[in-house]
Amino acid sequence: MRDLTRLKERFLRDDPAVRMGNLASDLHRLSIWVRTGRADEAIVDLMREVAWMMEWMGDQATADLADLQREICRWRRIWPMESVRSLLALRTQQMADRLLAASGLLDSPVRG
């Protein structure tokens, strides 16, 4: 597991929309890791990081985000559970899609 203090400092440097986008990105990565059979310890560590990032959203946190955080924590407590691997991959991808849409980043003009 990475150093949470450094992770938090880095996470909080970005504006709220980017934080939400980063959270969506990590959920997408979690979905891929679960689907491709990444090591269970790495999956649990990423779930822990995602749950903390949801906590660090602070004032930008919504009831929906709190529900997602609780769900991730429940998944983390039962993992590994081979019989639900495809369900976790689906749920984390759904969460990622939902948070990315909520971030507003998809509506932003492309810079470059």
N, C-alpha and C. Protein backbone atom coordinates (compact mmCIF):
# COMPACT_ATOMS: atom_id res chain seq x y z
N MET A 1 0.85 -1.19 0.00
CA MET A 1 0.00 0.00 0.00
C MET A 1 0.88 1.24 0.00
N ARG A 2 0.46 2.20 -0.77
CA ARG A 2 1.22 3.44 -0.85
C ARG A 2 1.04 4.28 0.41
N ASP A 3 1.92 5.25 0.58
CA ASP A 3 1.87 6.16 1.71
C ASP A 3 0.61 7.03 1.59
N LEU A 4 -0.32 6.87 2.52
CA LEU A 4 -1.59 7.60 2.44
C LEU A 4 -1.41 9.10 2.60
N THR A 5 -0.44 9.52 3.39
CA THR A 5 -0.21 10.96 3.58
C THR A 5 0.18 11.62 2.27
N ARG A 6 1.12 11.01 1.57
CA ARG A 6 1.54 11.56 0.27
C ARG A 6 0.42 11.48 -0.75
N LEU A 7 -0.31 10.37 -0.74
CA LEU A 7 -1.43 10.21 -1.66
C LEU A 7 -2.48 11.30 -1.42
N LYS A 8 -2.79 11.55 -0.17
CA LYS A 8 -3.79 12.57 0.17
C LYS A 8 -3.32 13.95 -0.27
N GLU A 9 -2.06 14.29 0.02
CA GLU A 9 -1.53 15.60 -0.37
C GLU A 9 -1.62 15.79 -1.88
N ARG A 10 -1.26 14.76 -2.63
CA ARG A 10 -1.31 14.84 -4.09
C ARG A 10 -2.75 14.96 -4.58
N PHE A 11 -3.63 14.17 -4.00
CA PHE A 11 -5.04 14.16 -4.40
C PHE A 11 -5.68 15.52 -4.16
N LEU A 12 -5.38 16.14 -3.04
CA LEU A 12 -6.03 17.40 -2.68
C LEU A 12 -5.47 18.61 -3.44
N ARG A 13 -4.38 18.44 -4.16
CA ARG A 13 -3.83 19.56 -4.96
C ARG A 13 -4.73 19.92 -6.13
N ASP A 14 -5.47 18.96 -6.62
CA ASP A 14 -6.30 19.18 -7.81
C ASP A 14 -7.64 19.80 -7.44
N ASP A 15 -8.28 20.43 -8.44
CA ASP A 15 -9.61 20.98 -8.19
C ASP A 15 -10.61 19.83 -8.09
N PRO A 16 -11.78 20.09 -7.52
CA PRO A 16 -12.75 19.01 -7.27
C PRO A 16 -13.13 18.18 -8.50
N ALA A 17 -13.27 18.81 -9.65
CA ALA A 17 -13.64 18.05 -10.86
C ALA A 17 -12.54 17.05 -11.22
N VAL A 18 -11.30 17.47 -11.12
CA VAL A 18 -10.18 16.58 -11.44
C VAL A 18 -10.09 15.47 -10.40
N ARG A 19 -10.35 15.79 -9.13
CA ARG A 19 -10.36 14.75 -8.09
C ARG A 19 -11.39 13.67 -8.44
N MET A 20 -12.57 14.12 -8.83
CA MET A 20 -13.63 13.18 -9.17
C MET A 20 -13.20 12.35 -10.39
N GLY A 21 -12.57 12.99 -11.36
CA GLY A 21 -12.07 12.26 -12.53
C GLY A 21 -11.00 11.25 -12.16
N ASN A 22 -10.11 11.63 -11.24
CA ASN A 22 -9.07 10.70 -10.79
C ASN A 22 -9.68 9.50 -10.06
N LEU A 23 -10.68 9.79 -9.27
CA LEU A 23 -11.38 8.72 -8.56
C LEU A 23 -12.05 7.77 -9.56
N ALA A 24 -12.68 8.33 -10.58
CA ALA A 24 -13.28 7.51 -11.63
C ALA A 24 -12.22 6.66 -12.34
N SER A 25 -11.07 7.25 -12.59
CA SER A 25 -9.98 6.53 -13.24
C SER A 25 -9.51 5.35 -12.39
N ASP A 26 -9.39 5.57 -11.08
CA ASP A 26 -8.96 4.48 -10.19
C ASP A 26 -10.02 3.39 -10.10
N LEU A 27 -11.29 3.75 -10.14
CA LEU A 27 -12.34 2.75 -10.15
C LEU A 27 -12.31 1.93 -11.45
N HIS A 28 -12.03 2.61 -12.56
CA HIS A 28 -11.90 1.92 -13.84
C HIS A 28 -10.72 0.94 -13.78
N ARG A 29 -9.61 1.39 -13.22
CA ARG A 29 -8.43 0.53 -13.06
C ARG A 29 -8.77 -0.68 -12.19
N LEU A 30 -9.51 -0.45 -11.11
CA LEU A 30 -9.93 -1.54 -10.23
C LEU A 30 -10.77 -2.56 -11.02
N SER A 31 -11.67 -2.07 -11.84
CA SER A 31 -12.50 -2.95 -12.66
C SER A 31 -11.63 -3.83 -13.56
N ILE A 32 -10.64 -3.23 -14.18
CA ILE A 32 -9.73 -3.97 -15.07
C ILE A 32 -8.93 -4.99 -14.28
N TRP A 33 -8.40 -4.59 -13.13
CA TRP A 33 -7.61 -5.51 -12.31
C TRP A 33 -8.42 -6.72 -11.88
N VAL A 34 -9.67 -6.49 -11.49
CA VAL A 34 -10.54 -7.59 -11.07
C VAL A 34 -10.81 -8.52 -12.25
N ARG A 35 -11.12 -7.90 -13.39
CA ARG A 35 -11.46 -8.68 -14.58
C ARG A 35 -10.27 -9.51 -15.10
N THR A 36 -9.06 -8.97 -14.97
CA THR A 36 -7.88 -9.64 -15.53
C THR A 36 -7.15 -10.51 -14.51
N GLY A 37 -7.67 -10.61 -13.30
CA GLY A 37 -7.09 -11.51 -12.31
C GLY A 37 -5.84 -11.00 -11.62
N ARG A 38 -5.73 -9.70 -11.47
CA ARG A 38 -4.60 -9.12 -10.73
C ARG A 38 -4.57 -9.72 -9.32
N ALA A 39 -3.43 -9.68 -8.67
CA ALA A 39 -3.27 -10.26 -7.33
C ALA A 39 -4.29 -9.66 -6.36
N ASP A 40 -4.87 -10.53 -5.55
CA ASP A 40 -5.90 -10.10 -4.61
C ASP A 40 -5.41 -9.02 -3.65
N GLU A 41 -4.17 -9.11 -3.22
CA GLU A 41 -3.62 -8.10 -2.31
C GLU A 41 -3.60 -6.73 -2.98
N ALA A 42 -3.23 -6.67 -4.24
CA ALA A 42 -3.20 -5.40 -4.97
C ALA A 42 -4.62 -4.84 -5.13
N ILE A 43 -5.57 -5.72 -5.37
CA ILE A 43 -6.97 -5.29 -5.51
C ILE A 43 -7.48 -4.71 -4.20
N VAL A 44 -7.19 -5.38 -3.10
CA VAL A 44 -7.62 -4.88 -1.78
C VAL A 44 -6.96 -3.53 -1.48
N ASP A 45 -5.69 -3.39 -1.80
CA ASP A 45 -4.99 -2.12 -1.57
C ASP A 45 -5.63 -1.00 -2.38
N LEU A 46 -5.97 -1.28 -3.64
CA LEU A 46 -6.59 -0.26 -4.47
C LEU A 46 -7.99 0.09 -3.95
N MET A 47 -8.73 -0.90 -3.48
CA MET A 47 -10.03 -0.62 -2.87
C MET A 47 -9.86 0.31 -1.67
N ARG A 48 -8.85 0.06 -0.87
CA ARG A 48 -8.59 0.90 0.30
C ARG A 48 -8.27 2.34 -0.13
N GLU A 49 -7.43 2.50 -1.13
CA GLU A 49 -7.09 3.83 -1.63
C GLU A 49 -8.32 4.55 -2.17
N VAL A 50 -9.14 3.84 -2.93
CA VAL A 50 -10.35 4.43 -3.49
C VAL A 50 -11.28 4.90 -2.37
N ALA A 51 -11.44 4.07 -1.35
CA ALA A 51 -12.30 4.45 -0.22
C ALA A 51 -11.77 5.71 0.47
N TRP A 52 -10.47 5.80 0.64
CA TRP A 52 -9.89 7.01 1.25
C TRP A 52 -10.09 8.23 0.36
N MET A 53 -9.91 8.08 -0.94
CA MET A 53 -10.11 9.22 -1.84
C MET A 53 -11.55 9.72 -1.77
N MET A 54 -12.47 8.79 -1.66
CA MET A 54 -13.88 9.18 -1.52
C MET A 54 -14.07 9.98 -0.22
N GLU A 55 -13.39 9.55 0.83
CA GLU A 55 -13.44 10.27 2.11
C GLU A 55 -12.86 11.67 1.97
N TRP A 56 -11.78 11.80 1.24
CA TRP A 56 -11.09 13.09 1.09
C TRP A 56 -11.82 14.08 0.19
N MET A 57 -12.89 13.66 -0.46
CA MET A 57 -13.64 14.59 -1.29
C MET A 57 -14.25 15.71 -0.45
N GLY A 58 -14.39 15.48 0.84
CA GLY A 58 -14.83 16.53 1.76
C GLY A 58 -16.15 17.16 1.37
N ASP A 59 -16.15 18.49 1.20
CA ASP A 59 -17.37 19.23 0.90
C ASP A 59 -18.00 18.83 -0.43
N GLN A 60 -17.21 18.26 -1.32
CA GLN A 60 -17.74 17.85 -2.61
C GLN A 60 -18.41 16.47 -2.54
N ALA A 61 -18.28 15.81 -1.41
CA ALA A 61 -18.89 14.48 -1.26
C ALA A 61 -20.41 14.61 -1.23
N THR A 62 -21.05 13.69 -1.88
CA THR A 62 -22.51 13.65 -1.91
C THR A 62 -22.96 12.39 -1.18
N ALA A 63 -24.25 12.29 -0.96
CA ALA A 63 -24.80 11.08 -0.36
C ALA A 63 -24.51 9.88 -1.28
N ASP A 64 -24.56 10.12 -2.58
CA ASP A 64 -24.27 9.06 -3.55
C ASP A 64 -22.83 8.57 -3.41
N LEU A 65 -21.90 9.50 -3.27
CA LEU A 65 -20.50 9.14 -3.11
C LEU A 65 -20.29 8.37 -1.80
N ALA A 66 -20.97 8.79 -0.75
CA ALA A 66 -20.87 8.07 0.53
C ALA A 66 -21.39 6.65 0.39
N ASP A 67 -22.47 6.47 -0.37
CA ASP A 67 -23.00 5.12 -0.61
C ASP A 67 -21.98 4.27 -1.38
N LEU A 68 -21.33 4.88 -2.37
CA LEU A 68 -20.33 4.15 -3.15
C LEU A 68 -19.14 3.77 -2.26
N GLN A 69 -18.76 4.67 -1.37
CA GLN A 69 -17.65 4.38 -0.45
C GLN A 69 -18.00 3.19 0.45
N ARG A 70 -19.20 3.19 0.99
CA ARG A 70 -19.61 2.06 1.83
C ARG A 70 -19.62 0.76 1.04
N GLU A 71 -20.06 0.83 -0.21
CA GLU A 71 -20.07 -0.37 -1.04
C GLU A 71 -18.66 -0.90 -1.28
N ILE A 72 -17.73 -0.01 -1.59
CA ILE A 72 -16.33 -0.41 -1.80
C ILE A 72 -15.78 -1.05 -0.52
N CYS A 73 -16.09 -0.48 0.62
CA CYS A 73 -15.62 -1.05 1.90
C CYS A 73 -16.20 -2.43 2.15
N ARG A 74 -17.46 -2.63 1.78
CA ARG A 74 -18.06 -3.96 1.93
C ARG A 74 -17.38 -4.97 1.00
N TRP A 75 -17.11 -4.56 -0.23
CA TRP A 75 -16.41 -5.45 -1.16
C TRP A 75 -15.03 -5.81 -0.61
N ARG A 76 -14.35 -4.82 -0.06
CA ARG A 76 -13.00 -5.05 0.46
C ARG A 76 -13.02 -6.08 1.59
N ARG A 77 -14.04 -6.03 2.43
CA ARG A 77 -14.13 -6.96 3.57
C ARG A 77 -14.33 -8.41 3.12
N ILE A 78 -15.01 -8.64 2.00
CA ILE A 78 -15.27 -10.01 1.57
C ILE A 78 -14.28 -10.51 0.53
N TRP A 79 -13.43 -9.62 0.02
CA TRP A 79 -12.51 -10.03 -1.05
C TRP A 79 -11.38 -10.85 -0.48
N PRO A 80 -10.91 -11.89 -1.13
CA PRO A 80 -11.29 -12.38 -2.45
C PRO A 80 -12.48 -13.33 -2.39
N MET A 81 -13.27 -13.25 -3.41
CA MET A 81 -14.42 -14.13 -3.54
C MET A 81 -14.61 -14.37 -5.03
N GLU A 82 -14.02 -15.42 -5.50
CA GLU A 82 -13.95 -15.72 -6.94
C GLU A 82 -15.32 -15.71 -7.62
N SER A 83 -16.33 -16.17 -6.92
CA SER A 83 -17.65 -16.29 -7.54
C SER A 83 -18.30 -14.95 -7.87
N VAL A 84 -17.80 -13.85 -7.31
CA VAL A 84 -18.40 -12.54 -7.60
C VAL A 84 -17.44 -11.62 -8.35
N ARG A 85 -16.36 -12.18 -8.86
CA ARG A 85 -15.36 -11.37 -9.57
C ARG A 85 -15.99 -10.55 -10.69
N SER A 86 -16.82 -11.17 -11.52
CA SER A 86 -17.42 -10.44 -12.65
C SER A 86 -18.38 -9.36 -12.16
N LEU A 87 -19.06 -9.62 -11.06
CA LEU A 87 -19.98 -8.62 -10.50
C LEU A 87 -19.21 -7.41 -9.98
N LEU A 88 -18.11 -7.64 -9.28
CA LEU A 88 -17.30 -6.51 -8.79
C LEU A 88 -16.72 -5.71 -9.96
N ALA A 89 -16.27 -6.39 -10.99
CA ALA A 89 -15.74 -5.69 -12.16
C ALA A 89 -16.82 -4.80 -12.78
N LEU A 90 -18.03 -5.33 -12.88
CA LEU A 90 -19.15 -4.55 -13.43
C LEU A 90 -19.49 -3.36 -12.53
N ARG A 91 -19.61 -3.60 -11.24
CA ARG A 91 -19.99 -2.52 -10.31
C ARG A 91 -18.95 -1.40 -10.29
N THR A 92 -17.68 -1.74 -10.26
CA THR A 92 -16.67 -0.69 -10.21
C THR A 92 -16.63 0.09 -11.52
N GLN A 93 -16.90 -0.57 -12.65
CA GLN A 93 -16.97 0.17 -13.92
C GLN A 93 -18.18 1.09 -13.94
N GLN A 94 -19.31 0.63 -13.41
CA GLN A 94 -20.49 1.49 -13.31
C GLN A 94 -20.21 2.70 -12.42
N MET A 95 -19.52 2.47 -11.31
CA MET A 95 -19.17 3.58 -10.42
C MET A 95 -18.27 4.57 -11.14
N ALA A 96 -17.28 4.06 -11.86
CA ALA A 96 -16.35 4.91 -12.59
C ALA A 96 -17.10 5.78 -13.61
N ASP A 97 -17.99 5.16 -14.37
CA ASP A 97 -18.75 5.88 -15.38
C ASP A 97 -19.61 6.98 -14.74
N ARG A 98 -20.23 6.63 -13.63
CA ARG A 98 -21.10 7.58 -12.92
C ARG A 98 -20.32 8.78 -12.39
N LEU A 99 -19.16 8.50 -11.78
CA LEU A 99 -18.36 9.60 -11.22
C LEU A 99 -17.74 10.46 -12.32
N LEU A 100 -17.32 9.85 -13.40
CA LEU A 100 -16.76 10.63 -14.50
C LEU A 100 -17.82 11.56 -15.08
N ALA A 101 -19.02 11.06 -15.25
CA ALA A 101 -20.11 11.91 -15.75
C ALA A 101 -20.41 13.04 -14.76
N ALA A 102 -20.40 12.73 -13.46
CA ALA A 102 -20.69 13.72 -12.42
C ALA A 102 -19.58 14.77 -12.31
N SER A 103 -18.38 14.42 -12.71
CA SER A 103 -17.25 15.34 -12.57
C SER A 103 -17.38 16.56 -13.46
N GLY A 104 -18.11 16.44 -14.56
CA GLY A 104 -18.21 17.53 -15.51
C GLY A 104 -17.05 17.57 -16.49
N LEU A 105 -16.08 16.71 -16.32
CA LEU A 105 -14.91 16.73 -17.20
C LEU A 105 -15.25 16.34 -18.64
N LEU A 106 -16.28 15.55 -18.81
CA LEU A 106 -16.68 15.18 -20.18
C LEU A 106 -17.29 16.35 -20.93
N ASP A 107 -17.77 17.35 -20.18
CA ASP A 107 -18.38 18.53 -20.79
C ASP A 107 -17.39 19.64 -21.05
N SER A 108 -16.16 19.48 -20.52
CA SER A 108 -15.14 20.51 -20.65
C SER A 108 -14.56 20.52 -22.05
N PRO A 109 -14.22 21.73 -22.57
CA PRO A 109 -13.59 21.79 -23.88
C PRO A 109 -12.19 21.15 -23.82
N VAL A 110 -11.81 20.54 -24.92
CA VAL A 110 -10.50 19.91 -25.00
C VAL A 110 -9.44 20.99 -25.12
N ARG A 111 -8.40 20.86 -24.28
CA ARG A 111 -7.28 21.81 -24.34
C ARG A 111 -6.15 21.19 -25.14
N GLY A 112 -5.41 22.01 -25.79
CA GLY A 112 -4.27 21.41 -26.48
C GLY A 112 -3.70 22.22 -27.52
